[in-house]
Amino acid sequence: MATLSKTELHRDIEQTLGQVPSWLREIPDEAVSGFWGLMKEFHLAETAIPNKYKELIGLAVSGATRCRYCALFHTEAAKLFGATDQEIAEASLMGGVTMNVSTFLNAQQTDFDQFRKETRQVVEYVKKHVPPTTTRPGRTAHA
């Protein structure tokens, strides 16, 4: 994003979001251009990951970091991009499940090399033994 004055940045933000949220006005002048560039050109833009999925990822991270501001934003943005209540619930639970296992593995100081080896073995097994119509181990695709 080209270097813009604060006034030009605020105009761009307002054209994109309909307003300049008060919290965004609090970002230090030296950082607002970089922040808005990342927000507009990556977060809000169509990229390799569709926006709905980026927002569901953001929601899962928000739950893990316990940020109610981010959870609200990413929930509303996910809905804006077509996420269903079921998808939102699954993303939220996925964040919790990931944190649960992560906490356990790190607290147990599980050997990473062994974990990597076993994970790759599991992936290879599933590739060879789970029929292509099956979407997940232990669960068949819905007809």
N, C-alpha and C. Protein backbone atom coordinates (compact mmCIF):
# COMPACT_ATOMS: atom_id res chain seq x y z
N MET A 1 0.85 -1.17 0.00
CA MET A 1 0.00 0.00 0.00
C MET A 1 0.90 1.23 0.00
N ALA A 2 0.63 2.14 -0.91
CA ALA A 2 1.42 3.36 -1.00
C ALA A 2 1.31 4.15 0.30
N THR A 3 2.33 4.95 0.56
CA THR A 3 2.32 5.77 1.77
C THR A 3 1.22 6.82 1.65
N LEU A 4 0.29 6.77 2.56
CA LEU A 4 -0.83 7.71 2.57
C LEU A 4 -0.77 8.54 3.84
N SER A 5 -1.32 9.73 3.78
CA SER A 5 -1.44 10.54 4.99
C SER A 5 -2.49 9.91 5.89
N LYS A 6 -2.50 10.31 7.15
CA LYS A 6 -3.48 9.77 8.08
C LYS A 6 -4.90 10.06 7.60
N THR A 7 -5.11 11.23 7.05
CA THR A 7 -6.42 11.60 6.52
C THR A 7 -6.81 10.69 5.37
N GLU A 8 -5.87 10.43 4.45
CA GLU A 8 -6.14 9.53 3.33
C GLU A 8 -6.40 8.10 3.80
N LEU A 9 -5.63 7.66 4.80
CA LEU A 9 -5.84 6.32 5.36
C LEU A 9 -7.24 6.22 5.96
N HIS A 10 -7.62 7.22 6.73
CA HIS A 10 -8.94 7.19 7.36
C HIS A 10 -10.04 7.22 6.30
N ARG A 11 -9.83 7.95 5.23
CA ARG A 11 -10.81 7.98 4.14
C ARG A 11 -10.92 6.58 3.51
N ASP A 12 -9.79 5.91 3.29
CA ASP A 12 -9.79 4.57 2.72
C ASP A 12 -10.47 3.58 3.66
N ILE A 13 -10.18 3.69 4.93
CA ILE A 13 -10.81 2.80 5.92
C ILE A 13 -12.32 3.02 5.93
N GLU A 14 -12.72 4.27 5.91
CA GLU A 14 -14.16 4.59 5.93
C GLU A 14 -14.85 4.09 4.66
N GLN A 15 -14.20 4.20 3.51
CA GLN A 15 -14.79 3.69 2.27
C GLN A 15 -14.93 2.17 2.32
N THR A 16 -14.02 1.52 3.01
CA THR A 16 -14.04 0.05 3.08
C THR A 16 -15.00 -0.45 4.15
N LEU A 17 -14.99 0.19 5.32
CA LEU A 17 -15.75 -0.31 6.47
C LEU A 17 -17.00 0.50 6.81
N GLY A 18 -17.17 1.65 6.15
CA GLY A 18 -18.31 2.50 6.45
C GLY A 18 -18.06 3.47 7.60
N GLN A 19 -16.93 3.31 8.26
CA GLN A 19 -16.53 4.18 9.36
C GLN A 19 -15.09 3.86 9.73
N VAL A 20 -14.50 4.71 10.54
CA VAL A 20 -13.20 4.41 11.12
C VAL A 20 -13.47 4.06 12.58
N PRO A 21 -13.46 2.77 12.92
CA PRO A 21 -13.75 2.39 14.31
C PRO A 21 -12.81 3.10 15.28
N SER A 22 -13.34 3.41 16.45
CA SER A 22 -12.56 4.17 17.45
C SER A 22 -11.27 3.45 17.82
N TRP A 23 -11.29 2.13 17.91
CA TRP A 23 -10.07 1.41 18.28
C TRP A 23 -9.00 1.55 17.21
N LEU A 24 -9.42 1.66 15.95
CA LEU A 24 -8.47 1.82 14.87
C LEU A 24 -7.83 3.20 14.91
N ARG A 25 -8.59 4.18 15.37
CA ARG A 25 -8.04 5.54 15.51
C ARG A 25 -6.97 5.60 16.60
N GLU A 26 -6.98 4.63 17.52
CA GLU A 26 -6.02 4.61 18.64
C GLU A 26 -4.68 3.99 18.26
N ILE A 27 -4.60 3.34 17.10
CA ILE A 27 -3.34 2.75 16.66
C ILE A 27 -2.35 3.88 16.42
N PRO A 28 -1.13 3.77 16.92
CA PRO A 28 -0.14 4.84 16.73
C PRO A 28 0.05 5.17 15.24
N ASP A 29 0.23 6.45 14.97
CA ASP A 29 0.37 6.93 13.59
C ASP A 29 1.41 6.14 12.81
N GLU A 30 2.51 5.77 13.47
CA GLU A 30 3.60 5.07 12.80
C GLU A 30 3.19 3.66 12.36
N ALA A 31 2.14 3.12 12.95
CA ALA A 31 1.76 1.73 12.69
C ALA A 31 0.48 1.58 11.88
N VAL A 32 -0.33 2.61 11.81
CA VAL A 32 -1.65 2.46 11.20
C VAL A 32 -1.57 2.11 9.72
N SER A 33 -0.63 2.66 8.99
CA SER A 33 -0.52 2.36 7.56
C SER A 33 -0.20 0.88 7.34
N GLY A 34 0.77 0.36 8.08
CA GLY A 34 1.12 -1.05 7.95
C GLY A 34 -0.02 -1.95 8.39
N PHE A 35 -0.66 -1.59 9.51
CA PHE A 35 -1.78 -2.39 10.00
C PHE A 35 -2.90 -2.42 8.97
N TRP A 36 -3.30 -1.26 8.47
CA TRP A 36 -4.40 -1.20 7.53
C TRP A 36 -4.04 -1.91 6.21
N GLY A 37 -2.80 -1.79 5.79
CA GLY A 37 -2.37 -2.49 4.58
C GLY A 37 -2.54 -3.99 4.72
N LEU A 38 -2.10 -4.54 5.85
CA LEU A 38 -2.24 -5.97 6.10
C LEU A 38 -3.72 -6.36 6.19
N MET A 39 -4.48 -5.54 6.89
CA MET A 39 -5.91 -5.83 7.07
C MET A 39 -6.63 -5.82 5.72
N LYS A 40 -6.39 -4.79 4.92
CA LYS A 40 -7.12 -4.64 3.66
C LYS A 40 -6.61 -5.59 2.58
N GLU A 41 -5.30 -5.73 2.47
CA GLU A 41 -4.74 -6.49 1.35
C GLU A 41 -4.57 -7.99 1.64
N PHE A 42 -4.72 -8.38 2.91
CA PHE A 42 -4.65 -9.81 3.22
C PHE A 42 -5.92 -10.27 3.92
N HIS A 43 -6.20 -9.70 5.08
CA HIS A 43 -7.32 -10.18 5.88
C HIS A 43 -8.64 -10.06 5.14
N LEU A 44 -8.93 -8.91 4.60
CA LEU A 44 -10.23 -8.69 3.95
C LEU A 44 -10.25 -9.06 2.47
N ALA A 45 -9.09 -9.25 1.87
CA ALA A 45 -9.00 -9.55 0.45
C ALA A 45 -9.21 -11.03 0.19
N GLU A 46 -9.64 -11.33 -1.04
CA GLU A 46 -9.72 -12.72 -1.46
C GLU A 46 -8.29 -13.21 -1.69
N THR A 47 -7.92 -14.27 -1.02
CA THR A 47 -6.60 -14.87 -1.14
C THR A 47 -6.78 -16.36 -1.43
N ALA A 48 -5.72 -17.12 -1.31
CA ALA A 48 -5.81 -18.57 -1.56
C ALA A 48 -6.81 -19.24 -0.62
N ILE A 49 -6.92 -18.72 0.59
CA ILE A 49 -7.91 -19.24 1.55
C ILE A 49 -9.14 -18.35 1.46
N PRO A 50 -10.30 -18.91 1.13
CA PRO A 50 -11.51 -18.09 1.05
C PRO A 50 -11.78 -17.36 2.37
N ASN A 51 -12.36 -16.17 2.27
CA ASN A 51 -12.59 -15.33 3.45
C ASN A 51 -13.36 -16.04 4.55
N LYS A 52 -14.36 -16.83 4.19
CA LYS A 52 -15.13 -17.54 5.22
C LYS A 52 -14.20 -18.40 6.07
N TYR A 53 -13.27 -19.09 5.44
CA TYR A 53 -12.37 -19.97 6.17
C TYR A 53 -11.33 -19.19 6.96
N LYS A 54 -10.87 -18.06 6.42
CA LYS A 54 -9.95 -17.22 7.19
C LYS A 54 -10.64 -16.75 8.47
N GLU A 55 -11.91 -16.37 8.36
CA GLU A 55 -12.64 -15.90 9.55
C GLU A 55 -12.88 -17.03 10.54
N LEU A 56 -13.14 -18.24 10.06
CA LEU A 56 -13.31 -19.38 10.97
C LEU A 56 -11.99 -19.71 11.67
N ILE A 57 -10.87 -19.59 10.96
CA ILE A 57 -9.56 -19.75 11.60
C ILE A 57 -9.38 -18.67 12.65
N GLY A 58 -9.69 -17.43 12.28
CA GLY A 58 -9.58 -16.33 13.24
C GLY A 58 -10.43 -16.56 14.48
N LEU A 59 -11.61 -17.11 14.29
CA LEU A 59 -12.49 -17.41 15.43
C LEU A 59 -11.87 -18.47 16.34
N ALA A 60 -11.32 -19.53 15.75
CA ALA A 60 -10.69 -20.57 16.56
C ALA A 60 -9.52 -20.01 17.36
N VAL A 61 -8.71 -19.18 16.73
CA VAL A 61 -7.58 -18.54 17.43
C VAL A 61 -8.11 -17.62 18.52
N SER A 62 -9.17 -16.89 18.24
CA SER A 62 -9.76 -15.97 19.22
C SER A 62 -10.19 -16.71 20.48
N GLY A 63 -10.79 -17.87 20.29
CA GLY A 63 -11.20 -18.67 21.44
C GLY A 63 -10.00 -19.13 22.24
N ALA A 64 -8.96 -19.57 21.52
CA ALA A 64 -7.75 -20.06 22.20
C ALA A 64 -7.04 -18.94 22.96
N THR A 65 -7.07 -17.73 22.41
CA THR A 65 -6.40 -16.61 23.08
C THR A 65 -7.31 -15.89 24.06
N ARG A 66 -8.57 -16.32 24.11
CA ARG A 66 -9.56 -15.75 25.03
C ARG A 66 -9.84 -14.27 24.76
N CYS A 67 -9.86 -13.90 23.47
CA CYS A 67 -10.11 -12.50 23.10
C CYS A 67 -11.56 -12.33 22.67
N ARG A 68 -12.36 -11.72 23.51
CA ARG A 68 -13.77 -11.55 23.18
C ARG A 68 -13.98 -10.56 22.04
N TYR A 69 -13.07 -9.60 21.90
CA TYR A 69 -13.17 -8.65 20.80
C TYR A 69 -12.99 -9.37 19.47
N CYS A 70 -11.94 -10.18 19.39
CA CYS A 70 -11.66 -10.93 18.16
C CYS A 70 -12.74 -11.97 17.91
N ALA A 71 -13.22 -12.62 18.96
CA ALA A 71 -14.27 -13.63 18.79
C ALA A 71 -15.52 -13.00 18.18
N LEU A 72 -15.90 -11.83 18.67
CA LEU A 72 -17.06 -11.14 18.12
C LEU A 72 -16.81 -10.75 16.67
N PHE A 73 -15.66 -10.13 16.41
CA PHE A 73 -15.36 -9.70 15.04
C PHE A 73 -15.36 -10.88 14.08
N HIS A 74 -14.63 -11.94 14.41
CA HIS A 74 -14.50 -13.06 13.49
C HIS A 74 -15.81 -13.83 13.33
N THR A 75 -16.63 -13.89 14.36
CA THR A 75 -17.94 -14.52 14.23
C THR A 75 -18.80 -13.74 13.24
N GLU A 76 -18.87 -12.43 13.43
CA GLU A 76 -19.68 -11.60 12.53
C GLU A 76 -19.14 -11.62 11.11
N ALA A 77 -17.81 -11.56 10.96
CA ALA A 77 -17.21 -11.59 9.63
C ALA A 77 -17.44 -12.95 8.97
N ALA A 78 -17.35 -14.04 9.74
CA ALA A 78 -17.60 -15.37 9.18
C ALA A 78 -19.03 -15.46 8.66
N LYS A 79 -19.98 -14.93 9.42
CA LYS A 79 -21.38 -14.91 8.97
C LYS A 79 -21.52 -14.07 7.71
N LEU A 80 -20.85 -12.92 7.67
CA LEU A 80 -20.88 -12.05 6.51
C LEU A 80 -20.43 -12.80 5.26
N PHE A 81 -19.44 -13.68 5.42
CA PHE A 81 -18.91 -14.44 4.29
C PHE A 81 -19.59 -15.80 4.12
N GLY A 82 -20.73 -16.00 4.79
CA GLY A 82 -21.54 -17.18 4.53
C GLY A 82 -21.40 -18.35 5.48
N ALA A 83 -20.68 -18.21 6.57
CA ALA A 83 -20.55 -19.31 7.52
C ALA A 83 -21.88 -19.56 8.22
N THR A 84 -22.18 -20.83 8.42
CA THR A 84 -23.39 -21.21 9.15
C THR A 84 -23.10 -21.26 10.65
N ASP A 85 -24.15 -21.32 11.44
CA ASP A 85 -23.97 -21.46 12.88
C ASP A 85 -23.22 -22.75 13.20
N GLN A 86 -23.50 -23.81 12.44
CA GLN A 86 -22.82 -25.09 12.65
C GLN A 86 -21.31 -24.95 12.38
N GLU A 87 -20.95 -24.27 11.29
CA GLU A 87 -19.53 -24.07 10.98
C GLU A 87 -18.85 -23.23 12.05
N ILE A 88 -19.54 -22.23 12.55
CA ILE A 88 -18.99 -21.38 13.60
C ILE A 88 -18.77 -22.20 14.87
N ALA A 89 -19.74 -23.03 15.22
CA ALA A 89 -19.60 -23.89 16.40
C ALA A 89 -18.44 -24.87 16.23
N GLU A 90 -18.31 -25.46 15.05
CA GLU A 90 -17.22 -26.41 14.82
C GLU A 90 -15.86 -25.72 14.88
N ALA A 91 -15.75 -24.52 14.32
CA ALA A 91 -14.48 -23.79 14.38
C ALA A 91 -14.13 -23.46 15.82
N SER A 92 -15.14 -23.05 16.59
CA SER A 92 -14.91 -22.75 18.01
C SER A 92 -14.44 -23.98 18.76
N LEU A 93 -15.09 -25.11 18.52
CA LEU A 93 -14.70 -26.35 19.19
C LEU A 93 -13.32 -26.81 18.72
N MET A 94 -13.02 -26.63 17.45
CA MET A 94 -11.71 -27.02 16.93
C MET A 94 -10.59 -26.25 17.64
N GLY A 95 -10.82 -24.97 17.89
CA GLY A 95 -9.84 -24.19 18.65
C GLY A 95 -9.63 -24.77 20.04
N GLY A 96 -10.73 -25.16 20.69
CA GLY A 96 -10.63 -25.75 22.03
C GLY A 96 -9.96 -27.11 22.04
N VAL A 97 -10.31 -27.94 21.07
CA VAL A 97 -9.70 -29.27 20.98
C VAL A 97 -8.19 -29.14 20.74
N THR A 98 -7.82 -28.24 19.84
CA THR A 98 -6.41 -28.03 19.54
C THR A 98 -5.66 -27.54 20.77
N MET A 99 -6.25 -26.59 21.50
CA MET A 99 -5.61 -26.10 22.73
C MET A 99 -5.50 -27.21 23.77
N ASN A 100 -6.52 -28.05 23.86
CA ASN A 100 -6.51 -29.15 24.82
C ASN A 100 -5.34 -30.08 24.56
N VAL A 101 -5.22 -30.55 23.33
CA VAL A 101 -4.15 -31.48 22.99
C VAL A 101 -2.79 -30.80 23.07
N SER A 102 -2.72 -29.55 22.63
CA SER A 102 -1.47 -28.81 22.69
C SER A 102 -0.99 -28.67 24.13
N THR A 103 -1.91 -28.33 25.02
CA THR A 103 -1.55 -28.20 26.44
C THR A 103 -1.01 -29.52 26.97
N PHE A 104 -1.69 -30.61 26.65
CA PHE A 104 -1.26 -31.93 27.12
C PHE A 104 0.12 -32.29 26.57
N LEU A 105 0.30 -32.17 25.25
CA LEU A 105 1.58 -32.54 24.63
C LEU A 105 2.73 -31.72 25.18
N ASN A 106 2.52 -30.42 25.34
CA ASN A 106 3.59 -29.56 25.85
C ASN A 106 3.88 -29.81 27.32
N ALA A 107 2.84 -30.01 28.12
CA ALA A 107 3.05 -30.27 29.55
C ALA A 107 3.73 -31.62 29.77
N GLN A 108 3.41 -32.60 28.92
CA GLN A 108 4.04 -33.91 29.01
C GLN A 108 5.44 -33.91 28.42
N GLN A 109 5.77 -32.84 27.71
CA GLN A 109 7.06 -32.73 27.03
C GLN A 109 7.27 -33.92 26.09
N THR A 110 6.20 -34.21 25.33
CA THR A 110 6.23 -35.30 24.38
C THR A 110 7.37 -35.09 23.38
N ASP A 111 8.06 -36.15 23.09
CA ASP A 111 9.18 -36.08 22.16
C ASP A 111 8.66 -35.67 20.77
N PHE A 112 9.13 -34.52 20.27
CA PHE A 112 8.62 -34.00 19.01
C PHE A 112 8.97 -34.90 17.83
N ASP A 113 10.18 -35.42 17.79
CA ASP A 113 10.57 -36.28 16.67
C ASP A 113 9.70 -37.54 16.61
N GLN A 114 9.40 -38.11 17.75
CA GLN A 114 8.53 -39.28 17.81
C GLN A 114 7.11 -38.90 17.37
N PHE A 115 6.65 -37.77 17.84
CA PHE A 115 5.32 -37.28 17.46
C PHE A 115 5.23 -37.09 15.94
N ARG A 116 6.25 -36.46 15.36
CA ARG A 116 6.29 -36.23 13.91
C ARG A 116 6.26 -37.56 13.16
N LYS A 117 7.09 -38.51 13.59
CA LYS A 117 7.17 -39.82 12.95
C LYS A 117 5.80 -40.52 13.00
N GLU A 118 5.19 -40.54 14.17
CA GLU A 118 3.90 -41.21 14.31
C GLU A 118 2.80 -40.51 13.52
N THR A 119 2.83 -39.18 13.49
CA THR A 119 1.83 -38.43 12.72
C THR A 119 1.94 -38.77 11.25
N ARG A 120 3.15 -38.80 10.73
CA ARG A 120 3.34 -39.14 9.32
C ARG A 120 2.91 -40.58 9.03
N GLN A 121 3.14 -41.48 9.98
CA GLN A 121 2.70 -42.87 9.82
C GLN A 121 1.17 -42.95 9.77
N VAL A 122 0.52 -42.20 10.63
CA VAL A 122 -0.95 -42.17 10.64
C VAL A 122 -1.46 -41.65 9.29
N VAL A 123 -0.88 -40.58 8.79
CA VAL A 123 -1.31 -40.02 7.50
C VAL A 123 -1.15 -41.04 6.39
N GLU A 124 -0.02 -41.72 6.35
CA GLU A 124 0.21 -42.73 5.32
C GLU A 124 -0.78 -43.88 5.44
N TYR A 125 -1.07 -44.31 6.66
CA TYR A 125 -2.04 -45.38 6.86
C TYR A 125 -3.41 -44.96 6.33
N VAL A 126 -3.84 -43.76 6.70
CA VAL A 126 -5.16 -43.29 6.27
C VAL A 126 -5.21 -43.18 4.75
N LYS A 127 -4.16 -42.68 4.12
CA LYS A 127 -4.12 -42.59 2.66
C LYS A 127 -4.33 -43.96 2.01
N LYS A 128 -3.74 -45.00 2.60
CA LYS A 128 -3.79 -46.35 2.02
C LYS A 128 -5.05 -47.12 2.38
N HIS A 129 -5.65 -46.85 3.53
CA HIS A 129 -6.71 -47.70 4.04
C HIS A 129 -8.10 -47.08 4.12
N VAL A 130 -8.19 -45.79 3.98
CA VAL A 130 -9.50 -45.15 4.09
C VAL A 130 -10.00 -44.85 2.68
N PRO A 131 -11.17 -45.38 2.34
CA PRO A 131 -11.70 -45.15 0.99
C PRO A 131 -11.83 -43.66 0.68
N PRO A 132 -11.64 -43.28 -0.58
CA PRO A 132 -11.71 -41.87 -0.96
C PRO A 132 -13.03 -41.20 -0.63
N THR A 133 -14.14 -41.97 -0.53
CA THR A 133 -15.43 -41.37 -0.20
C THR A 133 -15.55 -41.04 1.28
N THR A 134 -14.62 -41.50 2.07
CA THR A 134 -14.64 -41.22 3.50
C THR A 134 -13.95 -39.88 3.73
N THR A 135 -14.61 -39.00 4.43
CA THR A 135 -14.06 -37.67 4.64
C THR A 135 -13.12 -37.58 5.82
N ARG A 136 -13.32 -38.43 6.81
CA ARG A 136 -12.48 -38.39 8.01
C ARG A 136 -12.34 -39.79 8.56
N PRO A 137 -11.20 -40.07 9.21
CA PRO A 137 -11.06 -41.39 9.84
C PRO A 137 -12.20 -41.63 10.83
N GLY A 138 -12.80 -42.80 10.72
CA GLY A 138 -13.86 -43.16 11.67
C GLY A 138 -15.22 -42.62 11.32
N ARG A 139 -15.32 -41.88 10.21
CA ARG A 139 -16.62 -41.29 9.85
C ARG A 139 -16.76 -41.28 8.34
N THR A 140 -17.85 -41.83 7.85
CA THR A 140 -18.04 -41.86 6.41
C THR A 140 -18.73 -40.59 5.96
N ALA A 141 -18.58 -40.31 4.68
CA ALA A 141 -19.21 -39.12 4.10
C ALA A 141 -20.72 -39.28 4.11
N HIS A 142 -21.41 -38.17 4.22
CA HIS A 142 -22.87 -38.19 4.18
C HIS A 142 -23.30 -38.32 2.73
N ALA A 143 -24.34 -39.10 2.52
CA ALA A 143 -24.84 -39.30 1.15
C ALA A 143 -25.64 -38.11 0.70
